[in-house]
């Protein structure tokens, strides 16, 4: 099992990191945002490999971190409304 993990604290750099490796990671079929000590966005591809973002991407408000989460999710092929990310600190999406 492959796990790609980003602990970049910058939203912009997190988005750029995903852009750099998204083609190699492949088709994303699930996404989950959790919040414990920090926000964690976990993407799972069709081979059940994980691409995890700690820090950098957030949810639950209309700010830079949430907008970065929206951008990553849309780059990953999810058709998602802004409100899903802006109004929820945690969520789970499946294609």
PDB file of N, CA and C in Angstrom:
ATOM      1  N   UNK A   1       0.838  -1.179   0.000  1.00  0.00           N
ATOM      2  CA  UNK A   1       0.000   0.000   0.000  1.00  0.00           C
ATOM      3  C   UNK A   1       0.881   1.238   0.000  1.00  0.00           C
ATOM      4  N   UNK A   2       0.555   2.167  -0.868  1.00  0.00           N
ATOM      5  CA  UNK A   2       1.297   3.416  -0.970  1.00  0.00           C
ATOM      6  C   UNK A   2       0.571   4.498  -0.201  1.00  0.00           C
ATOM      7  N   UNK A   3       1.311   5.270   0.571  1.00  0.00           N
ATOM      8  CA  UNK A   3       0.751   6.416   1.277  1.00  0.00           C
ATOM      9  C   UNK A   3       1.626   7.619   0.961  1.00  0.00           C
ATOM     10  N   UNK A   4       1.016   8.661   0.400  1.00  0.00           N
ATOM     11  CA  UNK A   4       1.704   9.922   0.158  1.00  0.00           C
ATOM     12  C   UNK A   4       1.209  10.862   1.242  1.00  0.00           C
ATOM     13  N   UNK A   5       2.128  11.461   1.980  1.00  0.00           N
ATOM     14  CA  UNK A   5       1.735  12.311   3.105  1.00  0.00           C
ATOM     15  C   UNK A   5       2.375  13.679   2.969  1.00  0.00           C
ATOM     16  N   UNK A   6       1.548  14.711   3.106  1.00  0.00           N
ATOM     17  CA  UNK A   6       2.028  16.080   3.069  1.00  0.00           C
ATOM     18  C   UNK A   6       1.764  16.721   4.421  1.00  0.00           C
ATOM     19  N   UNK A   7       2.808  17.282   5.022  1.00  0.00           N
ATOM     20  CA  UNK A   7       2.623  18.039   6.258  1.00  0.00           C
ATOM     21  C   UNK A   7       3.014  19.505   6.040  1.00  0.00           C
ATOM     22  N   UNK A   8       2.827  19.950   4.817  1.00  0.00           N
ATOM     23  CA  UNK A   8       3.095  21.344   4.450  1.00  0.00           C
ATOM     24  C   UNK A   8       2.049  22.220   5.119  1.00  0.00           C
ATOM     25  N   UNK A   9       2.461  23.273   5.773  1.00  0.00           N
ATOM     26  CA  UNK A   9       1.528  24.136   6.504  1.00  0.00           C
ATOM     27  C   UNK A   9       0.874  25.207   5.643  1.00  0.00           C
ATOM     28  N   UNK A  10       1.373  25.449   4.480  1.00  0.00           N
ATOM     29  CA  UNK A  10       0.849  26.481   3.592  1.00  0.00           C
ATOM     30  C   UNK A  10      -0.242  25.904   2.680  1.00  0.00           C
ATOM     31  N   UNK A  11      -1.357  26.615   2.581  1.00  0.00           N
ATOM     32  CA  UNK A  11      -2.433  26.173   1.694  1.00  0.00           C
ATOM     33  C   UNK A  11      -1.953  26.139   0.249  1.00  0.00           C
ATOM     34  N   UNK A  12      -1.344  27.216  -0.205  1.00  0.00           N
ATOM     35  CA  UNK A  12      -0.869  27.298  -1.591  1.00  0.00           C
ATOM     36  C   UNK A  12       0.108  26.161  -1.905  1.00  0.00           C
ATOM     37  N   UNK A  13       1.052  25.906  -1.013  1.00  0.00           N
ATOM     38  CA  UNK A  13       2.035  24.852  -1.256  1.00  0.00           C
ATOM     39  C   UNK A  13       1.386  23.467  -1.217  1.00  0.00           C
ATOM     40  N   UNK A  14       0.349  23.296  -0.388  1.00  0.00           N
ATOM     41  CA  UNK A  14      -0.372  22.014  -0.355  1.00  0.00           C
ATOM     42  C   UNK A  14      -1.058  21.747  -1.692  1.00  0.00           C
ATOM     43  N   UNK A  15      -1.699  22.767  -2.237  1.00  0.00           N
ATOM     44  CA  UNK A  15      -2.374  22.632  -3.537  1.00  0.00           C
ATOM     45  C   UNK A  15      -1.343  22.333  -4.622  1.00  0.00           C
ATOM     46  N   UNK A  16      -0.226  23.049  -4.622  1.00  0.00           N
ATOM     47  CA  UNK A  16       0.819  22.817  -5.615  1.00  0.00           C
ATOM     48  C   UNK A  16       1.410  21.412  -5.486  1.00  0.00           C
ATOM     49  N   UNK A  17       1.564  20.929  -4.270  1.00  0.00           N
ATOM     50  CA  UNK A  17       2.063  19.567  -4.036  1.00  0.00           C
ATOM     51  C   UNK A  17       1.120  18.548  -4.659  1.00  0.00           C
ATOM     52  N   UNK A  18      -0.187  18.739  -4.474  1.00  0.00           N
ATOM     53  CA  UNK A  18      -1.147  17.818  -5.074  1.00  0.00           C
ATOM     54  C   UNK A  18      -1.089  17.880  -6.603  1.00  0.00           C
ATOM     55  N   UNK A  19      -1.013  19.088  -7.153  1.00  0.00           N
ATOM     56  CA  UNK A  19      -0.929  19.233  -8.608  1.00  0.00           C
ATOM     57  C   UNK A  19       0.285  18.478  -9.166  1.00  0.00           C
ATOM     58  N   UNK A  20       1.383  18.530  -8.434  1.00  0.00           N
ATOM     59  CA  UNK A  20       2.618  17.899  -8.882  1.00  0.00           C
ATOM     60  C   UNK A  20       2.495  16.371  -8.932  1.00  0.00           C
ATOM     61  N   UNK A  21       1.733  15.778  -8.008  1.00  0.00           N
ATOM     62  CA  UNK A  21       1.695  14.321  -7.898  1.00  0.00           C
ATOM     63  C   UNK A  21       0.357  13.671  -8.231  1.00  0.00           C
ATOM     64  N   UNK A  22      -0.650  14.460  -8.589  1.00  0.00           N
ATOM     65  CA  UNK A  22      -1.993  13.898  -8.799  1.00  0.00           C
ATOM     66  C   UNK A  22      -2.046  12.897  -9.951  1.00  0.00           C
ATOM     67  N   UNK A  23      -1.351  13.140 -11.034  1.00  0.00           N
ATOM     68  CA  UNK A  23      -1.381  12.207 -12.156  1.00  0.00           C
ATOM     69  C   UNK A  23      -0.751  10.866 -11.782  1.00  0.00           C
ATOM     70  N   UNK A  24       0.345  10.904 -11.050  1.00  0.00           N
ATOM     71  CA  UNK A  24       0.995   9.669 -10.612  1.00  0.00           C
ATOM     72  C   UNK A  24       0.138   8.925  -9.591  1.00  0.00           C
ATOM     73  N   UNK A  25      -0.608   9.663  -8.779  1.00  0.00           N
ATOM     74  CA  UNK A  25      -1.455   9.042  -7.761  1.00  0.00           C
ATOM     75  C   UNK A  25      -2.657   8.343  -8.389  1.00  0.00           C
ATOM     76  N   UNK A  26      -3.179   8.884  -9.445  1.00  0.00           N
ATOM     77  CA  UNK A  26      -4.279   8.244 -10.149  1.00  0.00           C
ATOM     78  C   UNK A  26      -5.657   8.717  -9.716  1.00  0.00           C
ATOM     79  N   UNK A  27      -6.661   8.002 -10.184  1.00  0.00           N
ATOM     80  CA  UNK A  27      -8.060   8.386  -9.981  1.00  0.00           C
ATOM     81  C   UNK A  27      -8.478   8.282  -8.524  1.00  0.00           C
ATOM     82  N   UNK A  28      -8.932   9.403  -7.981  1.00  0.00           N
ATOM     83  CA  UNK A  28      -9.407   9.454  -6.599  1.00  0.00           C
ATOM     84  C   UNK A  28     -10.876   9.048  -6.581  1.00  0.00           C
ATOM     85  N   UNK A  29     -11.239   8.157  -5.650  1.00  0.00           N
ATOM     86  CA  UNK A  29     -12.628   7.699  -5.554  1.00  0.00           C
ATOM     87  C   UNK A  29     -13.284   8.081  -4.226  1.00  0.00           C
ATOM     88  N   UNK A  30     -12.469   8.466  -3.225  1.00  0.00           N
ATOM     89  CA  UNK A  30     -13.004   8.874  -1.927  1.00  0.00           C
ATOM     90  C   UNK A  30     -12.187  10.022  -1.370  1.00  0.00           C
ATOM     91  N   UNK A  31     -12.849  10.869  -0.596  1.00  0.00           N
ATOM     92  CA  UNK A  31     -12.171  11.945   0.121  1.00  0.00           C
ATOM     93  C   UNK A  31     -12.840  12.084   1.484  1.00  0.00           C
ATOM     94  N   UNK A  32     -12.021  12.319   2.500  1.00  0.00           N
ATOM     95  CA  UNK A  32     -12.564  12.516   3.839  1.00  0.00           C
ATOM     96  C   UNK A  32     -11.768  13.597   4.555  1.00  0.00           C
ATOM     97  N   UNK A  33     -12.498  14.543   5.136  1.00  0.00           N
ATOM     98  CA  UNK A  33     -11.888  15.574   5.971  1.00  0.00           C
ATOM     99  C   UNK A  33     -12.226  15.228   7.413  1.00  0.00           C
ATOM    100  N   UNK A  34     -11.197  15.098   8.249  1.00  0.00           N
ATOM    101  CA  UNK A  34     -11.399  14.863   9.670  1.00  0.00           C
ATOM    102  C   UNK A  34     -10.753  16.001  10.448  1.00  0.00           C
ATOM    103  N   UNK A  35     -11.154  16.138  11.691  1.00  0.00           N
ATOM    104  CA  UNK A  35     -10.557  17.180  12.534  1.00  0.00           C
ATOM    105  C   UNK A  35     -10.398  16.623  13.936  1.00  0.00           C
ATOM    106  N   UNK A  36      -9.157  16.561  14.377  1.00  0.00           N
ATOM    107  CA  UNK A  36      -8.853  16.164  15.741  1.00  0.00           C
ATOM    108  C   UNK A  36      -7.979  17.278  16.303  1.00  0.00           C
ATOM    109  N   UNK A  37      -6.687  17.075  16.365  1.00  0.00           N
ATOM    110  CA  UNK A  37      -5.778  18.161  16.737  1.00  0.00           C
ATOM    111  C   UNK A  37      -5.608  19.138  15.581  1.00  0.00           C
ATOM    112  N   UNK A  38      -5.714  18.607  14.363  1.00  0.00           N
ATOM    113  CA  UNK A  38      -5.604  19.432  13.161  1.00  0.00           C
ATOM    114  C   UNK A  38      -6.542  18.858  12.100  1.00  0.00           C
ATOM    115  N   UNK A  39      -6.734  19.605  11.040  1.00  0.00           N
ATOM    116  CA  UNK A  39      -7.526  19.112   9.917  1.00  0.00           C
ATOM    117  C   UNK A  39      -6.674  18.136   9.108  1.00  0.00           C
ATOM    118  N   UNK A  40      -7.291  17.046   8.687  1.00  0.00           N
ATOM    119  CA  UNK A  40      -6.609  16.076   7.835  1.00  0.00           C
ATOM    120  C   UNK A  40      -7.527  15.742   6.667  1.00  0.00           C
ATOM    121  N   UNK A  41      -7.041  15.991   5.455  1.00  0.00           N
ATOM    122  CA  UNK A  41      -7.759  15.606   4.250  1.00  0.00           C
ATOM    123  C   UNK A  41      -7.094  14.350   3.712  1.00  0.00           C
ATOM    124  N   UNK A  42      -7.877  13.307   3.568  1.00  0.00           N
ATOM    125  CA  UNK A  42      -7.368  12.031   3.079  1.00  0.00           C
ATOM    126  C   UNK A  42      -8.071  11.688   1.770  1.00  0.00           C
ATOM    127  N   UNK A  43      -7.288  11.482   0.718  1.00  0.00           N
ATOM    128  CA  UNK A  43      -7.807  11.062  -0.576  1.00  0.00           C
ATOM    129  C   UNK A  43      -7.440   9.596  -0.777  1.00  0.00           C
ATOM    130  N   UNK A  44      -8.349   8.821  -1.329  1.00  0.00           N
ATOM    131  CA  UNK A  44      -8.095   7.407  -1.598  1.00  0.00           C
ATOM    132  C   UNK A  44      -8.340   7.159  -3.078  1.00  0.00           C
ATOM    133  N   UNK A  45      -7.376   6.489  -3.724  1.00  0.00           N
ATOM    134  CA  UNK A  45      -7.531   6.210  -5.151  1.00  0.00           C
ATOM    135  C   UNK A  45      -8.150   4.836  -5.375  1.00  0.00           C
ATOM    136  N   UNK A  46      -8.339   4.486  -6.635  1.00  0.00           N
ATOM    137  CA  UNK A  46      -9.008   3.230  -6.984  1.00  0.00           C
ATOM    138  C   UNK A  46      -8.212   2.002  -6.560  1.00  0.00           C
ATOM    139  N   UNK A  47      -6.920   2.171  -6.279  1.00  0.00           N
ATOM    140  CA  UNK A  47      -6.082   1.075  -5.798  1.00  0.00           C
ATOM    141  C   UNK A  47      -5.999   1.057  -4.269  1.00  0.00           C
ATOM    142  N   UNK A  48      -6.812   1.887  -3.624  1.00  0.00           N
ATOM    143  CA  UNK A  48      -6.885   2.022  -2.158  1.00  0.00           C
ATOM    144  C   UNK A  48      -5.592   2.559  -1.551  1.00  0.00           C
ATOM    145  N   UNK A  49      -4.866   3.341  -2.338  1.00  0.00           N
ATOM    146  CA  UNK A  49      -3.694   4.045  -1.837  1.00  0.00           C
ATOM    147  C   UNK A  49      -4.161   5.383  -1.270  1.00  0.00           C
ATOM    148  N   UNK A  50      -3.395   5.955  -0.359  1.00  0.00           N
ATOM    149  CA  UNK A  50      -3.804   7.168   0.340  1.00  0.00           C
ATOM    150  C   UNK A  50      -2.893   8.345   0.030  1.00  0.00           C
ATOM    151  N   UNK A  51      -3.505   9.501  -0.103  1.00  0.00           N
ATOM    152  CA  UNK A  51      -2.802  10.776  -0.260  1.00  0.00           C
ATOM    153  C   UNK A  51      -3.339  11.644   0.871  1.00  0.00           C
ATOM    154  N   UNK A  52      -2.517  11.915   1.871  1.00  0.00           N
ATOM    155  CA  UNK A  52      -2.976  12.573   3.086  1.00  0.00           C
ATOM    156  C   UNK A  52      -2.339  13.945   3.244  1.00  0.00           C
ATOM    157  N   UNK A  53      -3.177  14.927   3.571  1.00  0.00           N
ATOM    158  CA  UNK A  53      -2.731  16.291   3.856  1.00  0.00           C
ATOM    159  C   UNK A  53      -2.977  16.572   5.332  1.00  0.00           C
ATOM    160  N   UNK A  54      -1.921  16.816   6.092  1.00  0.00           N
ATOM    161  CA  UNK A  54      -2.044  17.314   7.457  1.00  0.00           C
ATOM    162  C   UNK A  54      -1.677  18.793   7.411  1.00  0.00           C
ATOM    163  N   UNK A  55      -2.495  19.629   8.049  1.00  0.00           N
ATOM    164  CA  UNK A  55      -2.285  21.078   8.054  1.00  0.00           C
ATOM    165  C   UNK A  55      -2.588  21.632   6.652  1.00  0.00           C
ATOM    166  N   UNK A  56      -2.386  22.873   6.413  1.00  0.00           N
ATOM    167  CA  UNK A  56      -2.501  23.469   5.082  1.00  0.00           C
ATOM    168  C   UNK A  56      -3.899  23.551   4.494  1.00  0.00           C
ATOM    169  N   UNK A  57      -4.684  22.484   4.585  1.00  0.00           N
ATOM    170  CA  UNK A  57      -6.034  22.456   4.034  1.00  0.00           C
ATOM    171  C   UNK A  57      -7.020  22.285   5.187  1.00  0.00           C
ATOM    172  N   UNK A  58      -8.102  23.063   5.150  1.00  0.00           N
ATOM    173  CA  UNK A  58      -9.057  23.066   6.258  1.00  0.00           C
ATOM    174  C   UNK A  58     -10.482  23.043   5.739  1.00  0.00           C
ATOM    175  N   UNK A  59     -11.435  23.192   6.644  1.00  0.00           N
ATOM    176  CA  UNK A  59     -12.856  23.226   6.280  1.00  0.00           C
ATOM    177  C   UNK A  59     -13.631  23.926   7.400  1.00  0.00           C
ATOM    178  N   UNK A  60     -14.901  24.217   7.128  1.00  0.00           N
ATOM    179  CA  UNK A  60     -15.768  24.764   8.152  1.00  0.00           C
ATOM    180  C   UNK A  60     -15.886  26.277   8.176  1.00  0.00           C
ATOM    181  N   UNK A  61     -15.281  26.968   7.223  1.00  0.00           N
ATOM    182  CA  UNK A  61     -15.379  28.418   7.145  1.00  0.00           C
ATOM    183  C   UNK A  61     -14.981  28.843   5.738  1.00  0.00           C
ATOM    184  N   UNK A  62     -15.254  30.080   5.380  1.00  0.00           N
ATOM    185  CA  UNK A  62     -14.917  30.597   4.061  1.00  0.00           C
ATOM    186  C   UNK A  62     -13.585  31.330   4.151  1.00  0.00           C
ATOM    187  N   UNK A  63     -12.498  30.574   4.157  1.00  0.00           N
ATOM    188  CA  UNK A  63     -11.166  31.158   4.236  1.00  0.00           C
ATOM    189  C   UNK A  63     -10.210  30.454   3.295  1.00  0.00           C
ATOM    190  N   UNK A  64      -8.957  30.846   3.356  1.00  0.00           N
ATOM    191  CA  UNK A  64      -7.947  30.322   2.431  1.00  0.00           C
ATOM    192  C   UNK A  64      -7.807  28.807   2.510  1.00  0.00           C
ATOM    193  N   UNK A  65      -7.736  28.252   3.714  1.00  0.00           N
ATOM    194  CA  UNK A  65      -7.564  26.809   3.862  1.00  0.00           C
ATOM    195  C   UNK A  65      -8.709  26.017   3.261  1.00  0.00           C
ATOM    196  N   UNK A  66      -9.940  26.504   3.462  1.00  0.00           N
ATOM    197  CA  UNK A  66     -11.116  25.836   2.884  1.00  0.00           C
ATOM    198  C   UNK A  66     -11.151  25.973   1.371  1.00  0.00           C
ATOM    199  N   UNK A  67     -10.758  27.127   0.866  1.00  0.00           N
ATOM    200  CA  UNK A  67     -10.705  27.304  -0.588  1.00  0.00           C
ATOM    201  C   UNK A  67      -9.655  26.380  -1.205  1.00  0.00           C
ATOM    202  N   UNK A  68      -8.544  26.168  -0.504  1.00  0.00           N
ATOM    203  CA  UNK A  68      -7.534  25.219  -0.972  1.00  0.00           C
ATOM    204  C   UNK A  68      -8.075  23.795  -0.994  1.00  0.00           C
ATOM    205  N   UNK A  69      -8.858  23.437   0.019  1.00  0.00           N
ATOM    206  CA  UNK A  69      -9.495  22.116   0.047  1.00  0.00           C
ATOM    207  C   UNK A  69     -10.411  21.950  -1.152  1.00  0.00           C
ATOM    208  N   UNK A  70     -11.228  22.962  -1.435  1.00  0.00           N
ATOM    209  CA  UNK A  70     -12.113  22.913  -2.604  1.00  0.00           C
ATOM    210  C   UNK A  70     -11.318  22.714  -3.886  1.00  0.00           C
ATOM    211  N   UNK A  71     -10.216  23.435  -4.028  1.00  0.00           N
ATOM    212  CA  UNK A  71      -9.417  23.312  -5.243  1.00  0.00           C
ATOM    213  C   UNK A  71      -8.859  21.895  -5.399  1.00  0.00           C
ATOM    214  N   UNK A  72      -8.329  21.320  -4.320  1.00  0.00           N
ATOM    215  CA  UNK A  72      -7.796  19.958  -4.381  1.00  0.00           C
ATOM    216  C   UNK A  72      -8.901  18.971  -4.724  1.00  0.00           C
ATOM    217  N   UNK A  73     -10.058  19.107  -4.083  1.00  0.00           N
ATOM    218  CA  UNK A  73     -11.170  18.184  -4.359  1.00  0.00           C
ATOM    219  C   UNK A  73     -11.631  18.286  -5.807  1.00  0.00           C
ATOM    220  N   UNK A  74     -11.692  19.483  -6.335  1.00  0.00           N
ATOM    221  CA  UNK A  74     -12.105  19.653  -7.737  1.00  0.00           C
ATOM    222  C   UNK A  74     -11.035  19.117  -8.685  1.00  0.00           C
ATOM    223  N   UNK A  75      -9.766  19.322  -8.362  1.00  0.00           N
ATOM    224  CA  UNK A  75      -8.688  18.743  -9.162  1.00  0.00           C
ATOM    225  C   UNK A  75      -8.748  17.218  -9.137  1.00  0.00           C
ATOM    226  N   UNK A  76      -9.238  16.679  -8.030  1.00  0.00           N
ATOM    227  CA  UNK A  76      -9.361  15.222  -7.884  1.00  0.00           C
ATOM    228  C   UNK A  76     -10.618  14.683  -8.559  1.00  0.00           C
ATOM    229  N   UNK A  77     -11.415  15.577  -9.150  1.00  0.00           N
ATOM    230  CA  UNK A  77     -12.567  15.141  -9.925  1.00  0.00           C
ATOM    231  C   UNK A  77     -13.899  15.146  -9.204  1.00  0.00           C
ATOM    232  N   UNK A  78     -13.958  15.728  -8.008  1.00  0.00           N
ATOM    233  CA  UNK A  78     -15.228  15.804  -7.293  1.00  0.00           C
ATOM    234  C   UNK A  78     -16.012  17.028  -7.762  1.00  0.00           C
ATOM    235  N   UNK A  79     -17.292  16.832  -8.000  1.00  0.00           N
ATOM    236  CA  UNK A  79     -18.202  17.935  -8.285  1.00  0.00           C
ATOM    237  C   UNK A  79     -18.831  18.261  -6.935  1.00  0.00           C
ATOM    238  N   UNK A  80     -18.449  19.393  -6.378  1.00  0.00           N
ATOM    239  CA  UNK A  80     -18.793  19.700  -4.994  1.00  0.00           C
ATOM    240  C   UNK A  80     -19.140  21.174  -4.866  1.00  0.00           C
ATOM    241  N   UNK A  81     -20.145  21.475  -4.056  1.00  0.00           N
ATOM    242  CA  UNK A  81     -20.514  22.870  -3.829  1.00  0.00           C
ATOM    243  C   UNK A  81     -19.590  23.472  -2.774  1.00  0.00           C
ATOM    244  N   UNK A  82     -19.413  24.765  -2.843  1.00  0.00           N
ATOM    245  CA  UNK A  82     -18.604  25.478  -1.856  1.00  0.00           C
ATOM    246  C   UNK A  82     -19.111  25.206  -0.443  1.00  0.00           C
ATOM    247  N   UNK A  83     -20.448  25.169  -0.291  1.00  0.00           N
ATOM    248  CA  UNK A  83     -21.051  25.020   1.032  1.00  0.00           C
ATOM    249  C   UNK A  83     -20.678  23.719   1.718  1.00  0.00           C
ATOM    250  N   UNK A  84     -20.413  22.667   0.966  1.00  0.00           N
ATOM    251  CA  UNK A  84     -20.019  21.395   1.573  1.00  0.00           C
ATOM    252  C   UNK A  84     -18.760  21.581   2.409  1.00  0.00           C
ATOM    253  N   UNK A  85     -17.821  22.355   1.907  1.00  0.00           N
ATOM    254  CA  UNK A  85     -16.562  22.586   2.621  1.00  0.00           C
ATOM    255  C   UNK A  85     -16.690  23.754   3.594  1.00  0.00           C
ATOM    256  N   UNK A  86     -17.333  24.833   3.187  1.00  0.00           N
ATOM    257  CA  UNK A  86     -17.418  26.025   4.031  1.00  0.00           C
ATOM    258  C   UNK A  86     -18.294  25.811   5.269  1.00  0.00           C
ATOM    259  N   UNK A  87     -19.307  24.950   5.172  1.00  0.00           N
ATOM    260  CA  UNK A  87     -20.260  24.784   6.274  1.00  0.00           C
ATOM    261  C   UNK A  87     -20.024  23.549   7.134  1.00  0.00           C
ATOM    262  N   UNK A  88     -19.015  22.745   6.818  1.00  0.00           N
ATOM    263  CA  UNK A  88     -18.766  21.507   7.560  1.00  0.00           C
ATOM    264  C   UNK A  88     -17.292  21.372   7.895  1.00  0.00           C
ATOM    265  N   UNK A  89     -16.977  21.136   9.156  1.00  0.00           N
ATOM    266  CA  UNK A  89     -15.586  20.915   9.534  1.00  0.00           C
ATOM    267  C   UNK A  89     -15.107  19.529   9.141  1.00  0.00           C
ATOM    268  N   UNK A  90     -16.032  18.578   9.041  1.00  0.00           N
ATOM    269  CA  UNK A  90     -15.702  17.225   8.604  1.00  0.00           C
ATOM    270  C   UNK A  90     -16.704  16.788   7.545  1.00  0.00           C
ATOM    271  N   UNK A  91     -16.270  15.910   6.644  1.00  0.00           N
ATOM    272  CA  UNK A  91     -17.163  15.382   5.612  1.00  0.00           C
ATOM    273  C   UNK A  91     -16.498  14.180   4.965  1.00  0.00           C
ATOM    274  N   UNK A  92     -17.307  13.401   4.276  1.00  0.00           N
ATOM    275  CA  UNK A  92     -16.816  12.244   3.524  1.00  0.00           C
ATOM    276  C   UNK A  92     -17.507  12.238   2.174  1.00  0.00           C
ATOM    277  N   UNK A  93     -16.720  12.063   1.107  1.00  0.00           N
ATOM    278  CA  UNK A  93     -17.233  12.063  -0.257  1.00  0.00           C
ATOM    279  C   UNK A  93     -16.829  10.765  -0.960  1.00  0.00           C
ATOM    280  N   UNK A  94     -17.724  10.259  -1.788  1.00  0.00           N
ATOM    281  CA  UNK A  94     -17.411   9.090  -2.615  1.00  0.00           C
ATOM    282  C   UNK A  94     -17.904   9.360  -4.014  1.00  0.00           C
ATOM    283  N   UNK A  95     -17.203   8.815  -4.982  1.00  0.00           N
ATOM    284  CA  UNK A  95     -17.641   8.910  -6.384  1.00  0.00           C
ATOM    285  C   UNK A  95     -18.383   7.657  -6.745  1.00  0.00           C
TER     286      UNK A  95
END
